[in-house]
Protein backbone atom coordinates (compact mmCIF):
# COMPACT_ATOMS: atom_id res chain seq x y z
CA MET A 1 10.87 -35.34 -28.30
CA ASN A 2 10.23 -31.66 -27.53
CA ALA A 3 12.81 -28.89 -27.44
CA THR A 4 12.46 -26.26 -24.72
CA ILE A 5 14.58 -23.11 -24.59
CA VAL A 6 15.24 -21.36 -21.27
CA ASN A 7 16.66 -17.87 -21.69
CA ASP A 8 19.45 -16.35 -19.69
CA GLY A 9 18.10 -14.97 -16.41
CA GLN A 10 15.34 -17.61 -16.29
CA ARG A 11 14.67 -21.01 -14.80
CA ALA A 12 11.95 -23.45 -15.78
CA LEU A 13 10.13 -25.97 -13.61
CA LEU A 14 9.52 -29.17 -15.55
CA TYR A 15 6.45 -31.15 -14.54
CA LYS A 16 6.06 -34.74 -15.71
CA ASN A 17 2.53 -36.08 -15.42
CA GLY A 18 1.76 -33.25 -12.99
CA VAL A 19 4.75 -33.96 -10.70
CA LEU A 20 7.78 -31.67 -10.48
CA ALA A 21 10.66 -33.55 -12.06
CA ARG A 22 13.50 -31.08 -12.76
CA VAL A 23 14.62 -27.49 -12.60
CA LEU A 24 15.94 -26.39 -16.00
CA GLY A 25 18.67 -23.78 -16.33
CA PRO A 26 19.39 -21.49 -19.30
CA GLY A 27 19.86 -23.28 -22.64
CA ARG A 28 18.14 -25.66 -25.07
CA HIS A 29 16.65 -28.79 -23.51
CA ARG A 30 15.44 -31.88 -25.36
CA LEU A 31 12.60 -33.56 -23.50
CA TRP A 32 11.28 -37.03 -24.19
CA THR A 33 7.49 -37.09 -24.17
CA TYR A 34 7.11 -40.85 -24.58
CA PHE A 35 4.10 -41.96 -22.49
CA ALA A 36 4.39 -38.72 -20.44
CA GLU A 37 2.64 -35.38 -20.29
CA LEU A 38 5.18 -32.61 -19.89
CA ARG A 39 4.59 -29.04 -18.76
CA THR A 40 7.04 -26.26 -18.04
CA GLU A 41 6.61 -23.19 -15.85
CA VAL A 42 9.07 -20.39 -16.49
CA ILE A 43 10.54 -18.37 -13.60
CA HIS A 44 12.06 -15.07 -14.78
CA GLU A 45 13.86 -12.12 -13.23
CA LEU A 46 10.60 -10.31 -12.45
CA MET A 47 9.55 -13.17 -10.16
CA PRO A 48 12.16 -13.03 -7.38
CA VAL A 49 9.75 -14.64 -4.87
CA THR A 50 7.36 -17.52 -5.53
CA PRO A 51 5.49 -19.94 -3.23
CA ILE A 52 7.34 -23.19 -2.83
CA VAL A 53 5.97 -26.26 -4.62
CA PRO A 54 6.32 -29.83 -3.31
CA GLY A 55 9.72 -31.31 -4.04
CA LEU A 56 11.35 -28.06 -5.16
CA ASP A 57 13.60 -27.78 -2.12
CA GLU A 58 15.23 -31.09 -3.08
CA LEU A 59 15.73 -30.18 -6.73
CA VAL A 60 16.84 -26.56 -6.63
CA SER A 61 20.50 -25.68 -6.14
CA ALA A 62 21.74 -23.19 -3.54
CA GLN A 63 23.16 -21.16 -6.42
CA ASP A 64 19.74 -20.80 -8.03
CA ALA A 65 17.51 -20.20 -5.00
CA SER A 66 17.09 -20.27 -1.25
CA ILE A 67 14.07 -21.33 0.79
CA LEU A 68 12.41 -18.80 3.11
CA GLU A 69 10.08 -19.85 5.93
CA VAL A 70 7.77 -17.19 7.42
CA ALA A 71 5.88 -18.24 10.54
CA GLU A 72 2.41 -17.15 11.63
CA GLY A 73 2.53 -13.63 13.03
CA GLN A 74 5.53 -12.69 10.90
CA LEU A 75 6.19 -11.01 7.57
CA ALA A 76 9.24 -10.83 5.36
CA LEU A 77 10.64 -7.76 3.61
CA VAL A 78 12.25 -9.01 0.39
CA SER A 79 14.94 -7.02 -1.41
CA LYS A 80 16.73 -7.60 -4.68
CA ARG A 81 20.13 -5.97 -5.07
CA GLY A 82 19.22 -3.94 -1.98
CA LEU A 83 15.95 -2.58 -3.44
CA PRO A 84 12.45 -3.48 -2.12
CA VAL A 85 10.62 -5.96 -4.37
CA GLN A 86 7.97 -7.71 -2.26
CA VAL A 87 6.48 -8.24 1.21
CA VAL A 88 5.19 -11.73 1.99
CA GLY A 89 3.30 -13.25 4.89
CA PRO A 90 3.28 -16.72 6.51
CA GLY A 91 4.30 -19.66 4.34
CA GLU A 92 7.26 -21.18 2.52
CA TRP A 93 8.77 -19.16 -0.29
CA VAL A 94 11.51 -19.51 -2.87
CA LEU A 95 13.94 -16.63 -3.25
CA TRP A 96 15.30 -16.97 -6.79
CA GLN A 97 18.91 -15.84 -7.10
CA ILE A 98 18.94 -15.93 -10.90
CA ASP A 99 19.43 -12.25 -11.65
CA GLY A 100 21.02 -10.65 -8.60
CA GLU A 101 21.06 -11.35 -4.89
CA VAL A 102 17.63 -11.64 -3.23
CA THR A 103 17.47 -11.32 0.57
CA ALA A 104 14.71 -11.16 3.18
CA ASP A 105 14.32 -9.59 6.62
CA VAL A 106 11.74 -11.36 8.77
CA ILE A 107 9.98 -9.24 11.41
CA ASP A 108 7.38 -9.90 14.10
CA ARG A 109 3.89 -8.51 13.41
CA GLY A 110 2.75 -8.73 17.04
CA PRO A 111 3.74 -5.26 18.37
CA LEU A 112 1.61 -2.27 17.40
CA ARG A 113 4.57 -0.36 15.95
CA ILE A 114 6.75 -2.49 13.68
CA PRO A 115 10.04 -1.56 11.96
CA VAL A 116 8.91 -1.47 8.32
CA PRO A 117 11.03 1.12 6.45
CA THR A 118 9.03 3.70 4.49
CA ARG A 119 10.40 2.37 1.19
CA PHE A 120 8.48 -0.88 1.84
CA TRP A 121 5.17 0.80 2.76
CA PRO A 122 3.52 0.53 -0.69
CA LEU A 123 4.38 -3.20 -0.80
CA ALA A 124 3.18 -3.89 2.76
CA ALA A 125 -0.31 -2.36 2.47
CA ALA A 126 -1.96 -5.72 3.22
CA PHE A 127 -0.12 -6.02 6.54
CA ILE A 128 0.23 -2.51 7.99
CA ARG A 129 -1.49 0.82 8.40
CA THR A 130 0.69 3.88 7.97
CA VAL A 131 0.29 7.18 9.82
CA VAL A 132 2.13 10.44 9.12
CA VAL A 133 1.78 13.04 11.88
CA GLN A 134 2.50 16.73 11.22
CA PRO A 135 4.15 18.88 13.93
CA TRP A 136 0.84 20.55 14.89
CA VAL A 137 -1.14 17.29 14.99
CA ARG A 138 -1.50 14.44 17.47
CA ALA A 139 -2.64 10.95 16.47
CA VAL A 140 -4.65 9.02 19.06
CA VAL A 141 -4.53 5.27 18.36
CA LEU A 142 -7.14 2.81 19.57
CA ASP A 143 -6.26 -0.90 19.47
CA ASN A 144 -9.40 -3.08 19.52
CA GLY A 145 -11.34 -0.16 21.01
CA ARG A 146 -8.76 0.68 23.70
CA ALA A 147 -6.70 3.88 23.59
CA VAL A 148 -3.07 2.77 23.62
CA ASP A 149 -0.90 5.64 22.44
CA VAL A 150 -0.67 9.26 21.30
CA PHE A 151 1.80 9.84 18.46
CA GLU A 152 3.60 13.13 17.98
CA GLN A 153 5.38 14.32 14.82
CA GLY A 154 6.71 11.46 12.72
CA ALA A 155 5.92 8.58 10.33
CA TYR A 156 4.66 5.29 11.79
CA ALA A 157 3.96 1.77 10.50
CA LEU A 158 1.27 0.06 12.59
CA SER A 159 0.64 -3.67 12.44
CA THR A 160 -2.93 -4.75 11.65
CA TYR A 161 -2.24 -8.34 12.77
CA ASP A 162 -5.03 -9.66 15.03
CA ARG A 163 -6.31 -6.16 15.80
CA THR A 164 -8.74 -3.48 14.68
CA LEU A 165 -7.12 -0.06 14.56
CA GLU A 166 -8.76 3.35 14.85
CA VAL A 167 -6.63 6.46 14.36
CA SER A 168 -7.92 9.96 15.17
CA LEU A 169 -5.87 12.93 13.97
CA LEU A 170 -6.40 16.07 16.07
CA ASP A 171 -5.18 19.54 15.09
CA LEU A 172 -3.66 21.38 18.09
CA ARG A 173 -3.62 24.78 16.39
CA GLU A 174 -6.09 27.47 17.47
CA GLN A 175 -9.44 27.00 15.78
CA GLU A 176 -12.49 29.20 15.34
CA LEU A 177 -16.10 28.26 16.04
CA GLN A 178 -18.95 30.42 14.77
CA VAL A 179 -22.33 30.26 16.52
CA GLY A 180 -24.61 32.45 14.42
CA GLY A 181 -28.24 33.48 14.15
CA GLN A 182 -29.31 32.28 17.60
CA GLU A 183 -32.80 33.44 18.57
CA MET A 184 -32.71 34.58 22.22
CA LEU A 185 -34.89 36.43 24.75
CA THR A 186 -33.50 39.11 27.07
CA ALA A 187 -34.59 39.74 30.66
CA ASP A 188 -36.93 42.51 29.45
CA LYS A 189 -38.57 40.12 26.94
CA VAL A 190 -36.92 41.44 23.77
CA SER A 191 -36.37 38.78 21.14
CA LEU A 192 -33.11 39.15 19.23
CA ARG A 193 -30.49 37.20 17.31
CA LEU A 194 -26.91 36.82 18.50
CA ASN A 195 -23.74 35.92 16.60
CA VAL A 196 -20.90 34.58 18.74
CA MET A 197 -17.32 33.66 17.82
CA CYS A 198 -15.24 31.29 19.97
CA LYS A 199 -11.51 30.58 19.59
CA TYR A 200 -10.20 27.38 21.17
CA SER A 201 -7.43 24.80 20.98
CA ILE A 202 -7.00 21.16 21.99
CA VAL A 203 -4.47 20.64 24.79
CA ASP A 204 -5.10 16.96 25.61
CA ALA A 205 -5.68 14.86 22.48
CA ALA A 206 -6.38 11.58 24.29
CA LEU A 207 -8.97 13.22 26.56
CA ALA A 208 -10.62 14.94 23.59
CA VAL A 209 -11.12 11.59 21.84
CA ALA A 210 -12.26 9.74 24.96
CA SER A 211 -14.70 12.35 26.32
CA THR A 212 -16.82 13.32 23.29
CA THR A 213 -18.16 11.71 20.13
CA ASP A 214 -17.93 15.02 18.25
CA LEU A 215 -15.87 17.78 19.83
CA HIS A 216 -17.11 20.49 17.44
CA ASP A 217 -20.78 19.75 18.17
CA ALA A 218 -20.17 19.53 21.92
CA LEU A 219 -18.39 22.89 22.01
CA TYR A 220 -21.02 24.48 19.76
CA GLY A 221 -23.77 23.40 22.16
CA GLU A 222 -21.88 24.69 25.18
CA VAL A 223 -21.27 28.13 23.61
CA GLN A 224 -24.92 28.28 22.59
CA LEU A 225 -26.06 27.46 26.14
CA ALA A 226 -23.67 30.00 27.70
CA ALA A 227 -24.95 32.70 25.31
CA ARG A 228 -28.59 31.96 26.16
CA ASN A 229 -27.92 32.10 29.90
CA ALA A 230 -26.01 35.37 29.58
CA VAL A 231 -28.68 37.08 27.45
CA ALA A 232 -31.53 35.85 29.64
CA GLY A 233 -30.04 37.61 32.65
CA VAL A 234 -29.75 41.13 31.24
CA SER A 235 -31.88 43.74 29.51
CA VAL A 236 -31.31 44.61 25.88
CA ASP A 237 -29.68 47.92 26.88
CA ALA A 238 -27.28 46.14 29.25
CA LEU A 239 -26.47 43.55 26.56
CA ILE A 240 -25.45 46.24 24.11
CA GLU A 241 -23.48 48.26 26.64
CA GLN A 242 -21.82 45.35 28.49
CA ARG A 243 -21.17 42.88 25.69
CA VAL A 244 -17.44 42.68 26.48
CA THR A 245 -18.12 41.89 30.14
CA LEU A 246 -20.77 39.35 29.21
CA ALA A 247 -18.41 37.69 26.73
CA ALA A 248 -15.79 37.28 29.49
CA GLU A 249 -18.39 35.63 31.72
CA MET A 250 -19.31 33.31 28.89
CA VAL A 251 -15.67 32.29 28.47
CA ASP A 252 -15.54 31.21 32.11
CA ALA A 253 -18.77 29.22 31.73
CA VAL A 254 -17.64 27.47 28.55
CA GLN A 255 -14.11 26.80 29.85
CA ALA A 256 -15.46 25.04 32.94
CA ARG A 257 -17.01 22.45 30.66
CA ALA A 258 -14.42 22.44 27.87
CA GLN A 259 -11.52 21.55 30.16
CA THR A 260 -13.17 18.16 30.81
CA TRP A 261 -12.76 17.54 27.06
CA GLY A 262 -9.08 18.53 26.95
CA VAL A 263 -9.87 21.92 25.36
CA ARG A 264 -8.73 25.44 26.25
CA VAL A 265 -11.01 28.34 25.33
CA ALA A 266 -8.82 31.30 24.36
CA ARG A 267 -11.50 33.94 23.78
CA LEU A 268 -15.15 34.48 23.03
CA ASP A 269 -16.68 37.53 21.35
CA ILE A 270 -20.25 38.67 20.83
CA LYS A 271 -19.86 39.78 17.22
CA ASP A 272 -23.36 40.97 16.39
CA VAL A 273 -26.61 41.73 18.20
CA VAL A 274 -29.42 41.71 15.64
CA LEU A 275 -32.54 43.47 16.97
CA PRO A 276 -36.05 43.19 15.53
CA GLY A 277 -37.06 46.02 13.17
CA GLU A 278 -39.29 47.95 15.59
CA MET A 279 -36.73 47.77 18.41
CA LYS A 280 -33.97 48.96 16.08
CA ALA A 281 -36.13 51.92 15.03
CA LEU A 282 -36.82 52.87 18.67
CA LEU A 283 -33.13 52.69 19.54
CA ASN A 284 -32.21 54.82 16.55
CA GLN A 285 -34.78 57.41 17.64
CA ALA A 286 -33.40 57.36 21.17
CA VAL A 287 -29.85 57.78 19.93
CA SER A 288 -30.87 60.63 17.64
CA TYR A 289 -32.74 62.35 20.49
CA THR A 290 -29.72 61.99 22.79
CA HIS A 291 -27.43 63.51 20.19
CA LEU A 292 -29.85 66.35 19.57
CA ARG A 293 -30.17 67.17 23.29
CA ALA A 294 -26.40 67.12 23.66
CA HIS A 295 -26.04 69.48 20.72
CA GLU A 296 -28.67 71.89 22.07
CA THR A 297 -27.14 71.83 25.54
CA GLY A 298 -23.75 72.67 24.13
CA ARG A 299 -25.19 75.53 22.05
CA ASN A 300 -27.01 77.00 25.06
CA LEU A 301 -23.82 76.90 27.09
CA VAL A 302 -22.07 78.92 24.39
């Protein structure tokens, strides 16, 4: 004879020769081991949910436990005393009522967006993907490679059941793109380097995801091309004198392409024109001569 003690707040499953024989409640139990191999498995308050074992549904009392069935394509949100304790998938489960009420809400995993409260998110990581969208961001969701939705501000639980999800987060705030150190040739064959700054914002998140593999690279290339075309059509003197006008023309050229990507170009500036050393020296001499002539002319008039 063996003596087994089951503490308060526990239950024990008694197996006889590998077969479930009894469910033991709290107390001291004397077990006859004559010609039998006995084994006990303790269920305690930290195990509110366990997989069902054969025969348990016939032995357990309604006061001790309830049986939960979760079908394929479903999941169950399990709470104990109203607090989240576990999320389980398809199968048969035992909800042990030995240390407070244990309940379960069964939900369908089929829809993309499923009603899993945020307090269950850490427990449901194997079943869902969570997305938190800030006010200035849009989330473009692709379900098995197909764009299905654009989420605005909020917190979302997305089901991963029978699908591959891709989520792209796009910032709608104005952004700055620097195109620097570009070697270019003017109409009068002067080689120089140009630094250009472009400010833009995304206005159509779904179009931005669908139309380009890398929006930043695509916009960079378009600004670069517009700058080369603008510089190639003017002399170096005209470039320096008309840089504001040329920048406005470049905006129109870039915007014509950018709008097909869901992007609005707000402004474009030619920040720096870097001339080769000999050209810079000649221009400085010309400027100095112009200033000198103006000074002499003014003195002669006096």
